[in-house]
PDB file of N, CA and C in Angstrom:
ATOM      1  N   MET A   1     -52.453  15.334 103.837  1.00  0.00           N
ATOM      2  CA  MET A   1     -51.357  15.907 102.943  1.00  0.00           C
ATOM      3  C   MET A   1     -50.160  14.924 102.792  1.00  0.00           C
ATOM      4  N   ARG A   2     -50.187  14.031 103.926  1.00  0.00           N
ATOM      5  CA  ARG A   2     -49.178  13.016 103.782  1.00  0.00           C
ATOM      6  C   ARG A   2     -49.340  12.020 102.649  1.00  0.00           C
ATOM      7  N   ASN A   3     -50.776  11.737 102.351  1.00  0.00           N
ATOM      8  CA  ASN A   3     -51.111  10.868 101.243  1.00  0.00           C
ATOM      9  C   ASN A   3     -50.678  11.520  99.910  1.00  0.00           C
ATOM     10  N   ILE A   4     -51.113  12.631  99.802  1.00  0.00           N
ATOM     11  CA  ILE A   4     -50.839  13.496  98.621  1.00  0.00           C
ATOM     12  C   ILE A   4     -49.367  13.518  98.234  1.00  0.00           C
ATOM     13  N   ALA A   5     -48.636  13.876  99.415  1.00  0.00           N
ATOM     14  CA  ALA A   5     -47.277  13.890  99.173  1.00  0.00           C
ATOM     15  C   ALA A   5     -46.500  12.521  98.635  1.00  0.00           C
ATOM     16  N   ALA A   6     -47.113  11.380  99.410  1.00  0.00           N
ATOM     17  CA  ALA A   6     -46.592  10.054  99.109  1.00  0.00           C
ATOM     18  C   ALA A   6     -47.044   9.659  97.636  1.00  0.00           C
ATOM     19  N   GLU A   7     -48.346   9.999  97.186  1.00  0.00           N
ATOM     20  CA  GLU A   7     -48.640   9.741  95.828  1.00  0.00           C
ATOM     21  C   GLU A   7     -47.922  10.394  94.835  1.00  0.00           C
ATOM     22  N   ALA A   8     -47.393  11.626  95.208  1.00  0.00           N
ATOM     23  CA  ALA A   8     -46.663  12.449  94.192  1.00  0.00           C
ATOM     24  C   ALA A   8     -45.259  12.043  94.350  1.00  0.00           C
ATOM     25  N   GLY A   9     -44.746  11.351  95.234  1.00  0.00           N
ATOM     26  CA  GLY A   9     -43.378  10.951  95.398  1.00  0.00           C
ATOM     27  C   GLY A   9     -42.455  12.276  96.052  1.00  0.00           C
ATOM     28  N   ILE A  10     -43.213  12.934  96.842  1.00  0.00           N
ATOM     29  CA  ILE A  10     -42.463  14.053  97.279  1.00  0.00           C
ATOM     30  C   ILE A  10     -42.282  14.057  98.832  1.00  0.00           C
ATOM     31  N   SER A  11     -41.622  14.963  99.525  1.00  0.00           N
ATOM     32  CA  SER A  11     -41.532  15.028 100.950  1.00  0.00           C
ATOM     33  C   SER A  11     -42.752  15.487 101.271  1.00  0.00           C
ATOM     34  N   SER A  12     -43.189  15.047 102.619  1.00  0.00           N
ATOM     35  CA  SER A  12     -44.508  15.351 103.022  1.00  0.00           C
ATOM     36  C   SER A  12     -44.425  16.827 103.418  1.00  0.00           C
ATOM     37  N   ARG A  13     -43.327  17.737 103.454  1.00  0.00           N
ATOM     38  CA  ARG A  13     -43.372  19.126 103.723  1.00  0.00           C
ATOM     39  C   ARG A  13     -43.475  19.780 102.347  1.00  0.00           C
ATOM     40  N   THR A  14     -43.421  19.411 101.352  1.00  0.00           N
ATOM     41  CA  THR A  14     -43.227  19.959 100.064  1.00  0.00           C
ATOM     42  C   THR A  14     -44.821  20.769  99.645  1.00  0.00           C
ATOM     43  N   PRO A  15     -45.765  19.993  99.886  1.00  0.00           N
ATOM     44  CA  PRO A  15     -47.096  20.605  99.660  1.00  0.00           C
ATOM     45  C   PRO A  15     -47.229  21.805 100.502  1.00  0.00           C
ATOM     46  N   TYR A  16     -46.789  21.964 101.739  1.00  0.00           N
ATOM     47  CA  TYR A  16     -46.845  22.916 102.593  1.00  0.00           C
ATOM     48  C   TYR A  16     -45.958  24.117 102.113  1.00  0.00           C
ATOM     49  N   ASN A  17     -44.918  23.739 101.448  1.00  0.00           N
ATOM     50  CA  ASN A  17     -43.995  24.907 100.843  1.00  0.00           C
ATOM     51  C   ASN A  17     -44.469  25.557  99.787  1.00  0.00           C
ATOM     52  N   LEU A  18     -45.293  24.626  98.933  1.00  0.00           N
ATOM     53  CA  LEU A  18     -45.767  25.022  97.721  1.00  0.00           C
ATOM     54  C   LEU A  18     -47.201  25.682  97.676  1.00  0.00           C
ATOM     55  N   PHE A  19     -47.896  25.494  98.716  1.00  0.00           N
ATOM     56  CA  PHE A  19     -49.381  25.999  98.950  1.00  0.00           C
ATOM     57  C   PHE A  19     -49.510  26.690 100.228  1.00  0.00           C
ATOM     58  N   SER A  20     -50.176  27.731 100.330  1.00  0.00           N
ATOM     59  CA  SER A  20     -50.403  28.385 101.513  1.00  0.00           C
ATOM     60  C   SER A  20     -51.270  27.695 102.519  1.00  0.00           C
ATOM     61  N   SER A  21     -52.193  26.590 102.224  1.00  0.00           N
ATOM     62  CA  SER A  21     -52.973  26.079 103.137  1.00  0.00           C
ATOM     63  C   SER A  21     -53.588  24.694 102.517  1.00  0.00           C
ATOM     64  N   LYS A  22     -54.041  23.817 103.248  1.00  0.00           N
ATOM     65  CA  LYS A  22     -54.811  22.661 102.736  1.00  0.00           C
ATOM     66  C   LYS A  22     -55.795  23.008 101.806  1.00  0.00           C
ATOM     67  N   ALA A  23     -56.507  24.102 101.986  1.00  0.00           N
ATOM     68  CA  ALA A  23     -57.715  24.648 101.153  1.00  0.00           C
ATOM     69  C   ALA A  23     -57.116  24.900  99.851  1.00  0.00           C
ATOM     70  N   ALA A  24     -55.977  25.578  99.770  1.00  0.00           N
ATOM     71  CA  ALA A  24     -55.373  25.844  98.575  1.00  0.00           C
ATOM     72  C   ALA A  24     -54.999  24.675  97.622  1.00  0.00           C
ATOM     73  N   VAL A  25     -54.545  23.669  98.461  1.00  0.00           N
ATOM     74  CA  VAL A  25     -54.191  22.430  97.695  1.00  0.00           C
ATOM     75  C   VAL A  25     -55.507  21.839  97.131  1.00  0.00           C
ATOM     76  N   LEU A  26     -56.706  21.963  97.933  1.00  0.00           N
ATOM     77  CA  LEU A  26     -57.876  21.160  97.395  1.00  0.00           C
ATOM     78  C   LEU A  26     -58.239  22.223  96.259  1.00  0.00           C
ATOM     79  N   VAL A  27     -58.279  23.493  96.197  1.00  0.00           N
ATOM     80  CA  VAL A  27     -58.586  24.319  95.135  1.00  0.00           C
ATOM     81  C   VAL A  27     -57.772  23.949  93.839  1.00  0.00           C
ATOM     82  N   GLU A  28     -56.443  23.684  94.028  1.00  0.00           N
ATOM     83  CA  GLU A  28     -55.776  23.421  92.958  1.00  0.00           C
ATOM     84  C   GLU A  28     -56.197  22.117  92.375  1.00  0.00           C
ATOM     85  N   LEU A  29     -56.275  21.101  93.159  1.00  0.00           N
ATOM     86  CA  LEU A  29     -56.727  19.867  92.723  1.00  0.00           C
ATOM     87  C   LEU A  29     -58.043  19.764  92.080  1.00  0.00           C
ATOM     88  N   LEU A  30     -58.905  20.571  92.452  1.00  0.00           N
ATOM     89  CA  LEU A  30     -60.286  20.632  91.985  1.00  0.00           C
ATOM     90  C   LEU A  30     -60.111  21.342  90.563  1.00  0.00           C
ATOM     91  N   GLU A  31     -59.423  22.444  90.507  1.00  0.00           N
ATOM     92  CA  GLU A  31     -59.243  23.219  89.282  1.00  0.00           C
ATOM     93  C   GLU A  31     -58.665  22.342  88.207  1.00  0.00           C
ATOM     94  N   GLU A  32     -57.722  21.465  88.651  1.00  0.00           N
ATOM     95  CA  GLU A  32     -56.981  20.446  87.757  1.00  0.00           C
ATOM     96  C   GLU A  32     -58.089  19.444  87.086  1.00  0.00           C
ATOM     97  N   SER A  33     -58.859  19.006  88.031  1.00  0.00           N
ATOM     98  CA  SER A  33     -59.935  17.968  87.715  1.00  0.00           C
ATOM     99  C   SER A  33     -60.912  18.520  86.929  1.00  0.00           C
ATOM    100  N   ILE A  34     -61.296  19.798  87.161  1.00  0.00           N
ATOM    101  CA  ILE A  34     -62.358  20.305  86.357  1.00  0.00           C
ATOM    102  C   ILE A  34     -61.707  20.675  84.965  1.00  0.00           C
ATOM    103  N   GLY A  35     -60.447  21.036  84.780  1.00  0.00           N
ATOM    104  CA  GLY A  35     -59.761  21.431  83.589  1.00  0.00           C
ATOM    105  C   GLY A  35     -59.757  20.152  82.811  1.00  0.00           C
ATOM    106  N   HIS A  36     -59.327  19.063  83.297  1.00  0.00           N
ATOM    107  CA  HIS A  36     -59.327  17.743  82.758  1.00  0.00           C
ATOM    108  C   HIS A  36     -60.610  17.351  82.201  1.00  0.00           C
ATOM    109  N   ALA A  37     -61.630  17.570  83.034  1.00  0.00           N
ATOM    110  CA  ALA A  37     -63.110  17.158  82.408  1.00  0.00           C
ATOM    111  C   ALA A  37     -63.536  17.884  81.389  1.00  0.00           C
ATOM    112  N   PHE A  38     -63.209  19.121  81.397  1.00  0.00           N
ATOM    113  CA  PHE A  38     -63.600  20.052  80.131  1.00  0.00           C
ATOM    114  C   PHE A  38     -62.826  19.671  78.915  1.00  0.00           C
ATOM    115  N   LEU A  39     -61.450  19.357  78.946  1.00  0.00           N
ATOM    116  CA  LEU A  39     -60.634  18.825  78.081  1.00  0.00           C
ATOM    117  C   LEU A  39     -61.258  17.567  77.519  1.00  0.00           C
ATOM    118  N   MET A  40     -61.739  16.630  78.243  1.00  0.00           N
ATOM    119  CA  MET A  40     -62.189  15.405  77.800  1.00  0.00           C
ATOM    120  C   MET A  40     -63.670  15.634  77.038  1.00  0.00           C
ATOM    121  N   VAL A  41     -64.342  16.752  77.641  1.00  0.00           N
ATOM    122  CA  VAL A  41     -65.542  16.948  76.747  1.00  0.00           C
ATOM    123  C   VAL A  41     -65.330  17.570  75.421  1.00  0.00           C
ATOM    124  N   ASN A  42     -64.326  18.349  75.395  1.00  0.00           N
ATOM    125  CA  ASN A  42     -63.976  18.990  74.026  1.00  0.00           C
ATOM    126  C   ASN A  42     -63.532  18.042  72.951  1.00  0.00           C
ATOM    127  N   ILE A  43     -62.702  16.943  73.621  1.00  0.00           N
ATOM    128  CA  ILE A  43     -62.329  15.887  72.679  1.00  0.00           C
ATOM    129  C   ILE A  43     -63.493  15.124  72.238  1.00  0.00           C
ATOM    130  N   VAL A  44     -64.322  14.832  73.037  1.00  0.00           N
ATOM    131  CA  VAL A  44     -65.434  14.102  72.707  1.00  0.00           C
ATOM    132  C   VAL A  44     -66.267  14.828  71.664  1.00  0.00           C
ATOM    133  N   GLU A  45     -66.611  16.136  71.933  1.00  0.00           N
ATOM    134  CA  GLU A  45     -67.329  17.104  71.119  1.00  0.00           C
ATOM    135  C   GLU A  45     -66.551  17.136  69.643  1.00  0.00           C
ATOM    136  N   SER A  46     -65.242  17.368  69.550  1.00  0.00           N
ATOM    137  CA  SER A  46     -64.478  17.400  68.403  1.00  0.00           C
ATOM    138  C   SER A  46     -64.738  15.902  67.523  1.00  0.00           C
ATOM    139  N   ASP A  47     -64.600  14.925  68.411  1.00  0.00           N
ATOM    140  CA  ASP A  47     -64.733  13.689  67.726  1.00  0.00           C
ATOM    141  C   ASP A  47     -66.111  13.510  66.999  1.00  0.00           C
ATOM    142  N   LEU A  48     -67.193  13.934  67.672  1.00  0.00           N
ATOM    143  CA  LEU A  48     -68.339  13.871  67.134  1.00  0.00           C
ATOM    144  C   LEU A  48     -68.692  14.836  66.011  1.00  0.00           C
ATOM    145  N   ALA A  49     -68.039  15.922  65.795  1.00  0.00           N
ATOM    146  CA  ALA A  49     -68.010  17.000  64.965  1.00  0.00           C
ATOM    147  C   ALA A  49     -67.439  16.232  63.586  1.00  0.00           C
ATOM    148  N   VAL A  50     -66.282  15.727  63.728  1.00  0.00           N
ATOM    149  CA  VAL A  50     -65.639  15.040  62.766  1.00  0.00           C
ATOM    150  C   VAL A  50     -66.510  13.914  62.339  1.00  0.00           C
ATOM    151  N   ARG A  51     -67.041  13.092  63.099  1.00  0.00           N
ATOM    152  CA  ARG A  51     -67.874  11.881  62.579  1.00  0.00           C
ATOM    153  C   ARG A  51     -69.020  12.474  61.807  1.00  0.00           C
ATOM    154  N   ASN A  52     -69.685  13.771  62.373  1.00  0.00           N
ATOM    155  CA  ASN A  52     -70.931  14.230  61.538  1.00  0.00           C
ATOM    156  C   ASN A  52     -70.361  14.709  60.246  1.00  0.00           C
ATOM    157  N   LEU A  53     -69.310  15.382  60.136  1.00  0.00           N
ATOM    158  CA  LEU A  53     -68.708  15.872  58.947  1.00  0.00           C
ATOM    159  C   LEU A  53     -68.523  14.661  57.850  1.00  0.00           C
ATOM    160  N   LEU A  54     -67.774  13.684  58.470  1.00  0.00           N
ATOM    161  CA  LEU A  54     -67.473  12.450  57.672  1.00  0.00           C
ATOM    162  C   LEU A  54     -68.948  12.012  57.030  1.00  0.00           C
ATOM    163  N   ASP A  55     -69.957  11.829  58.051  1.00  0.00           N
ATOM    164  CA  ASP A  55     -71.306  11.248  57.615  1.00  0.00           C
ATOM    165  C   ASP A  55     -71.841  12.195  56.531  1.00  0.00           C
ATOM    166  N   CYS A  56     -71.645  13.374  56.563  1.00  0.00           N
ATOM    167  CA  CYS A  56     -72.459  14.488  55.709  1.00  0.00           C
ATOM    168  C   CYS A  56     -71.571  14.141  54.264  1.00  0.00           C
ATOM    169  N   ILE A  57     -70.301  14.068  54.302  1.00  0.00           N
ATOM    170  CA  ILE A  57     -69.604  13.897  52.984  1.00  0.00           C
ATOM    171  C   ILE A  57     -69.878  12.464  52.548  1.00  0.00           C
ATOM    172  N   GLY A  58     -70.141  11.514  53.278  1.00  0.00           N
ATOM    173  CA  GLY A  58     -70.590  10.241  52.766  1.00  0.00           C
ATOM    174  C   GLY A  58     -71.958  10.328  52.130  1.00  0.00           C
ATOM    175  N   GLN A  59     -72.836  11.035  52.726  1.00  0.00           N
ATOM    176  CA  GLN A  59     -74.250  11.256  52.267  1.00  0.00           C
ATOM    177  C   GLN A  59     -74.092  11.980  50.840  1.00  0.00           C
ATOM    178  N   VAL A  60     -73.399  12.929  50.828  1.00  0.00           N
ATOM    179  CA  VAL A  60     -73.198  13.857  49.535  1.00  0.00           C
ATOM    180  C   VAL A  60     -72.767  12.854  48.384  1.00  0.00           C
ATOM    181  N   GLY A  61     -71.595  11.969  48.916  1.00  0.00           N
ATOM    182  CA  GLY A  61     -71.183  11.002  47.802  1.00  0.00           C
ATOM    183  C   GLY A  61     -72.276  10.151  47.286  1.00  0.00           C
ATOM    184  N   GLU A  62     -73.048   9.677  48.286  1.00  0.00           N
ATOM    185  CA  GLU A  62     -74.216   8.745  47.947  1.00  0.00           C
ATOM    186  C   GLU A  62     -75.275   9.408  46.972  1.00  0.00           C
ATOM    187  N   ASP A  63     -75.545  10.752  47.305  1.00  0.00           N
ATOM    188  CA  ASP A  63     -76.460  11.452  46.477  1.00  0.00           C
ATOM    189  C   ASP A  63     -75.938  11.737  45.228  1.00  0.00           C
ATOM    190  N   ILE A  64     -74.645  12.073  45.057  1.00  0.00           N
ATOM    191  CA  ILE A  64     -74.047  12.148  43.836  1.00  0.00           C
ATOM    192  C   ILE A  64     -74.220  10.879  42.924  1.00  0.00           C
ATOM    193  N   SER A  65     -73.893   9.905  43.513  1.00  0.00           N
ATOM    194  CA  SER A  65     -73.795   8.658  42.501  1.00  0.00           C
ATOM    195  C   SER A  65     -74.967   7.850  42.292  1.00  0.00           C
TER     196      SER A  65
END
């Protein structure tokens, strides 16, 4: 807990005031990490969708000419 507080730049007492237990801190950290991972996957999927759309548009342009 001291390391977490130091990394966050807060008092070593603050995590205990904000969370009911060490387990609650761990759950929050895991949820945050998982949420970030899903966000990154969505960004990659969106990027791929845009690339696929642009490829299709390019192919249509080539077919027309």
